[in-house]
Protein backbone atom coordinates (compact mmCIF):
# COMPACT_ATOMS: atom_id res chain seq x y z
CA UNK A 1 15.68 -5.58 -17.32
CA UNK A 2 15.83 -4.61 -13.66
CA UNK A 3 17.03 -7.32 -11.29
CA UNK A 4 16.96 -5.54 -7.93
CA UNK A 5 16.24 -8.27 -5.38
CA UNK A 6 17.03 -6.32 -2.21
CA UNK A 7 15.71 -2.81 -1.74
CA UNK A 8 18.67 -2.13 0.56
CA UNK A 9 20.85 -1.69 -2.54
CA UNK A 10 18.26 0.46 -4.34
CA UNK A 11 18.01 3.23 -1.72
CA UNK A 12 20.39 6.12 -1.16
CA UNK A 13 20.70 8.98 1.31
CA UNK A 14 20.52 12.66 0.36
CA UNK A 15 22.69 15.14 2.25
CA UNK A 16 22.69 18.92 2.19
CA UNK A 17 26.21 20.27 1.91
CA UNK A 18 27.43 21.00 5.40
CA UNK A 19 24.12 19.91 6.88
CA UNK A 20 24.00 16.13 6.82
CA UNK A 21 21.11 13.76 6.18
CA UNK A 22 17.83 15.26 4.97
CA UNK A 23 15.92 12.71 2.88
CA UNK A 24 16.09 9.38 1.13
CA UNK A 25 15.75 8.46 -2.53
CA UNK A 26 15.41 5.44 -4.79
CA UNK A 27 18.00 4.58 -7.43
CA UNK A 28 16.29 4.48 -10.84
CA UNK A 29 19.38 4.12 -13.04
CA UNK A 30 23.09 4.85 -12.99
CA UNK A 31 22.31 8.58 -13.21
CA UNK A 32 18.77 9.19 -11.89
CA UNK A 33 17.20 9.15 -8.43
CA UNK A 34 13.56 9.49 -7.38
CA UNK A 35 12.58 11.36 -4.21
CA UNK A 36 9.76 13.48 -2.78
CA UNK A 37 9.03 17.00 -4.02
CA UNK A 38 8.68 18.25 -0.45
CA UNK A 39 12.36 17.38 0.09
CA UNK A 40 13.42 19.93 -2.53
CA UNK A 41 11.36 22.97 -1.49
CA UNK A 42 13.22 26.01 -0.16
CA UNK A 43 12.87 26.72 3.55
CA UNK A 44 14.07 30.21 4.42
CA UNK A 45 17.81 30.39 3.79
CA UNK A 46 17.95 26.64 3.10
CA UNK A 47 17.86 26.40 -0.68
CA UNK A 48 16.73 22.82 -1.06
CA UNK A 49 15.57 23.49 -4.63
CA UNK A 50 19.13 24.16 -5.81
CA UNK A 51 20.92 21.10 -7.17
CA UNK A 52 24.35 22.33 -6.11
CA UNK A 53 23.29 22.21 -2.45
CA UNK A 54 22.88 18.42 -2.52
CA UNK A 55 25.01 15.32 -2.61
CA UNK A 56 23.88 11.71 -2.82
CA UNK A 57 25.57 8.79 -1.09
CA UNK A 58 24.91 5.47 -2.80
CA UNK A 59 25.95 2.02 -1.62
CA UNK A 60 25.77 3.15 1.99
CA UNK A 61 24.61 1.04 4.93
CA UNK A 62 25.99 2.82 7.99
CA UNK A 63 25.86 6.61 7.69
CA UNK A 64 29.03 7.12 9.70
CA UNK A 65 31.01 4.55 7.71
CA UNK A 66 31.71 4.45 4.01
CA UNK A 67 32.97 1.30 2.32
CA UNK A 68 34.58 0.25 -0.94
CA UNK A 69 31.07 0.20 -2.43
CA UNK A 70 30.04 3.70 -1.37
CA UNK A 71 29.80 6.37 -4.07
CA UNK A 72 29.36 10.08 -3.33
CA UNK A 73 27.85 12.08 -6.18
CA UNK A 74 26.86 15.70 -6.71
CA UNK A 75 23.40 16.47 -8.05
CA UNK A 76 23.30 18.10 -11.48
CA UNK A 77 19.59 18.81 -11.81
CA UNK A 78 16.36 18.59 -9.82
CA UNK A 79 12.97 18.14 -11.50
CA UNK A 80 10.14 18.55 -9.01
CA UNK A 81 6.63 17.82 -10.29
CA UNK A 82 5.19 21.10 -11.57
CA UNK A 83 1.83 20.40 -9.92
CA UNK A 84 3.20 19.62 -6.46
CA UNK A 85 0.92 21.09 -3.79
CA UNK A 86 2.67 21.88 -0.51
CA UNK A 87 -0.66 22.08 1.34
CA UNK A 88 -2.08 18.72 0.27
CA UNK A 89 1.13 16.86 -0.69
CA UNK A 90 -0.46 15.91 -3.99
CA UNK A 91 2.12 15.13 -6.70
CA UNK A 92 4.85 14.81 -4.07
CA UNK A 93 7.52 13.48 -6.41
CA UNK A 94 10.82 14.72 -7.81
CA UNK A 95 13.71 13.47 -9.91
CA UNK A 96 17.39 14.11 -9.29
CA UNK A 97 19.98 13.76 -12.03
CA UNK A 98 23.49 12.98 -10.82
CA UNK A 99 26.48 14.82 -12.26
CA UNK A 100 27.88 11.63 -13.71
CA UNK A 101 27.05 7.98 -14.21
CA UNK A 102 27.54 5.65 -11.26
CA UNK A 103 29.16 2.27 -11.78
CA UNK A 104 26.56 -0.20 -10.54
CA UNK A 105 27.78 -2.85 -8.12
CA UNK A 106 26.46 -5.37 -5.60
CA UNK A 107 25.53 -2.52 -3.23
CA UNK A 108 24.11 -0.09 -5.83
CA UNK A 109 21.37 -1.23 -8.19
CA UNK A 110 18.23 0.34 -9.70
CA UNK A 111 14.88 -0.54 -8.20
CA UNK A 112 12.25 -1.95 -10.57
CA UNK A 113 9.57 0.52 -11.69
CA UNK A 114 5.99 -0.74 -12.02
CA UNK A 115 3.93 -0.33 -15.16
CA UNK A 116 1.01 2.13 -14.92
CA UNK A 117 -1.38 -0.82 -14.57
CA UNK A 118 0.64 -2.68 -11.94
CA UNK A 119 -1.63 -3.54 -9.00
CA UNK A 120 -0.52 -3.45 -5.38
CA UNK A 121 -3.42 -5.24 -3.66
CA UNK A 122 -4.73 -4.40 -0.22
CA UNK A 123 -2.96 -6.46 2.40
CA UNK A 124 0.17 -7.01 0.34
CA UNK A 125 3.40 -6.92 2.33
CA UNK A 126 5.53 -3.86 1.59
CA UNK A 127 8.81 -2.55 2.92
CA UNK A 128 9.95 0.88 4.09
CA UNK A 129 13.70 1.47 3.92
CA UNK A 130 15.66 4.47 5.16
CA UNK A 131 17.75 6.25 7.75
CA UNK A 132 14.89 8.22 9.30
CA UNK A 133 14.13 8.61 12.99
CA UNK A 134 13.43 5.34 14.81
CA UNK A 135 10.69 6.99 16.88
CA UNK A 136 8.58 10.14 16.63
CA UNK A 137 10.70 13.12 17.64
CA UNK A 138 13.84 10.98 17.69
CA UNK A 139 17.14 11.19 15.86
CA UNK A 140 17.99 9.85 12.41
CA UNK A 141 19.23 6.27 12.34
CA UNK A 142 22.91 5.61 11.72
CA UNK A 143 22.26 2.14 10.30
CA UNK A 144 19.87 1.59 7.38
CA UNK A 145 16.49 0.45 8.72
CA UNK A 146 13.91 -1.79 7.04
CA UNK A 147 10.35 -2.25 8.29
CA UNK A 148 7.45 -4.43 7.12
CA UNK A 149 4.04 -2.85 6.56
CA UNK A 150 0.89 -3.70 4.57
CA UNK A 151 -0.91 -1.92 1.74
CA UNK A 152 -4.07 -0.35 3.20
CA UNK A 153 -7.41 0.15 1.47
CA UNK A 154 -7.60 3.73 0.16
CA UNK A 155 -11.20 4.24 1.28
CA UNK A 156 -10.35 3.11 4.81
CA UNK A 157 -7.23 5.28 4.79
CA UNK A 158 -9.15 8.31 3.54
CA UNK A 159 -11.60 7.95 6.42
CA UNK A 160 -8.78 7.64 8.95
CA UNK A 161 -6.88 10.59 7.47
CA UNK A 162 -9.76 13.09 7.35
CA UNK A 163 -10.48 12.86 3.60
CA UNK A 164 -6.98 13.94 2.60
CA UNK A 165 -6.12 10.91 0.44
CA UNK A 166 -6.19 11.42 -3.34
CA UNK A 167 -5.97 8.84 -6.12
CA UNK A 168 -2.30 9.78 -6.50
CA UNK A 169 -1.52 8.56 -2.98
CA UNK A 170 -1.04 5.09 -1.55
CA UNK A 171 -1.42 4.15 2.12
CA UNK A 172 0.60 1.55 3.97
CA UNK A 173 1.28 0.74 7.57
CA UNK A 174 0.13 -1.24 10.59
CA UNK A 175 -3.17 0.09 11.93
CA UNK A 176 -2.45 -0.97 15.50
CA UNK A 177 0.60 1.30 15.33
CA UNK A 178 4.25 0.71 16.08
CA UNK A 179 5.65 0.50 12.53
CA UNK A 180 5.94 3.41 10.10
CA UNK A 181 8.20 5.72 8.17
CA UNK A 182 9.31 8.76 10.16
CA UNK A 183 11.15 12.07 9.84
CA UNK A 184 14.16 11.63 7.56
CA UNK A 185 12.62 8.75 5.58
CA UNK A 186 10.90 11.20 3.20
CA UNK A 187 11.62 10.51 -0.45
CA UNK A 188 12.68 6.94 0.19
CA UNK A 189 11.05 3.80 -1.20
CA UNK A 190 7.99 1.81 -0.29
CA UNK A 191 8.73 -1.43 -2.12
CA UNK A 192 7.06 -4.77 -2.70
CA UNK A 193 8.57 -8.07 -3.75
CA UNK A 194 7.40 -9.14 -7.19
CA UNK A 195 8.16 -11.96 -9.60
CA UNK A 196 11.54 -13.67 -9.24
CA UNK A 197 12.01 -11.84 -5.96
CA UNK A 198 12.49 -8.47 -7.64
CA UNK A 199 11.83 -5.30 -5.63
CA UNK A 200 9.24 -2.99 -7.22
CA UNK A 201 8.78 0.65 -6.21
CA UNK A 202 5.17 1.09 -5.06
CA UNK A 203 5.46 4.45 -3.33
CA UNK A 204 7.62 7.39 -2.30
CA UNK A 205 7.57 8.29 1.40
CA UNK A 206 5.44 11.45 1.52
CA UNK A 207 3.55 12.35 4.71
CA UNK A 208 1.71 11.15 7.79
CA UNK A 209 0.28 12.15 11.15
CA UNK A 210 3.26 11.70 13.44
CA UNK A 211 5.05 8.35 13.29
CA UNK A 212 3.64 4.88 13.90
CA UNK A 213 0.49 6.11 15.63
CA UNK A 214 -2.54 3.85 15.93
CA UNK A 215 -4.96 4.22 12.98
CA UNK A 216 -2.60 6.69 11.29
CA UNK A 217 -1.02 4.89 8.32
CA UNK A 218 1.83 6.32 6.30
CA UNK A 219 0.96 8.07 3.05
CA UNK A 220 3.06 7.58 -0.07
CA UNK A 221 3.13 9.00 -3.57
CA UNK A 222 1.61 6.31 -5.80
CA UNK A 223 4.35 5.60 -8.34
CA UNK A 224 2.08 3.95 -10.93
CA UNK A 225 0.38 7.34 -11.41
CA UNK A 226 3.71 8.89 -12.45
CA UNK A 227 5.27 6.22 -14.64
CA UNK A 228 4.89 8.30 -17.81
CA UNK A 229 6.12 11.45 -16.01
CA UNK A 230 9.26 9.62 -14.90
CA UNK A 231 9.87 8.32 -18.43
CA UNK A 232 9.30 11.70 -20.07
CA UNK A 233 11.66 13.52 -17.73
CA UNK A 234 14.43 11.00 -17.18
CA UNK A 235 14.18 8.49 -20.00
CA UNK A 236 14.04 5.68 -17.42
């Protein structure tokens, strides 16, 4: 049974070799991570789709400082959703298998996965966690950031986002602006606190219109739509 009670121990940072921080990911087990498919698409000479180009840092809080809890792992395999659409961001989800099992500790623990029927009601408090930019066009954060947002009605979100929201997406944010995921947070978790204080993974940071703009909520991959896909491909 998952017992993750703080999403700060369930998130990790993904680095390209020689290139530093690129995306975030959620810890699913001692050997599997969940991230966004758009994080692992090739871009010119940057071969993001190749597992040997990546390393994951788990148990990290400050990017420039490792601790006794920090584990650095190579990535053995990447499984991006076969139906990922780079134009619409539909099916923006990918798995990463680490090259060996991680010893779980007080700073590294799997996030709880929802069942396919798990409901995340409109207005529910949710949390974004990551090392992304702290403002639009800014630099990546050195210290892990956590921000409170709310689940937003999909019909309202679809209207605000020019009919680009599918049933495989989940919207969250603050409509007056000022709080959002941003560049570098991609692939990281949108979590909610469930029973017994456990952190459940509601979404994967996917896309948006800038960062923290008024009436421009963040858009996330809806994890409940992919529970069977995750199980089939990772066993988790």
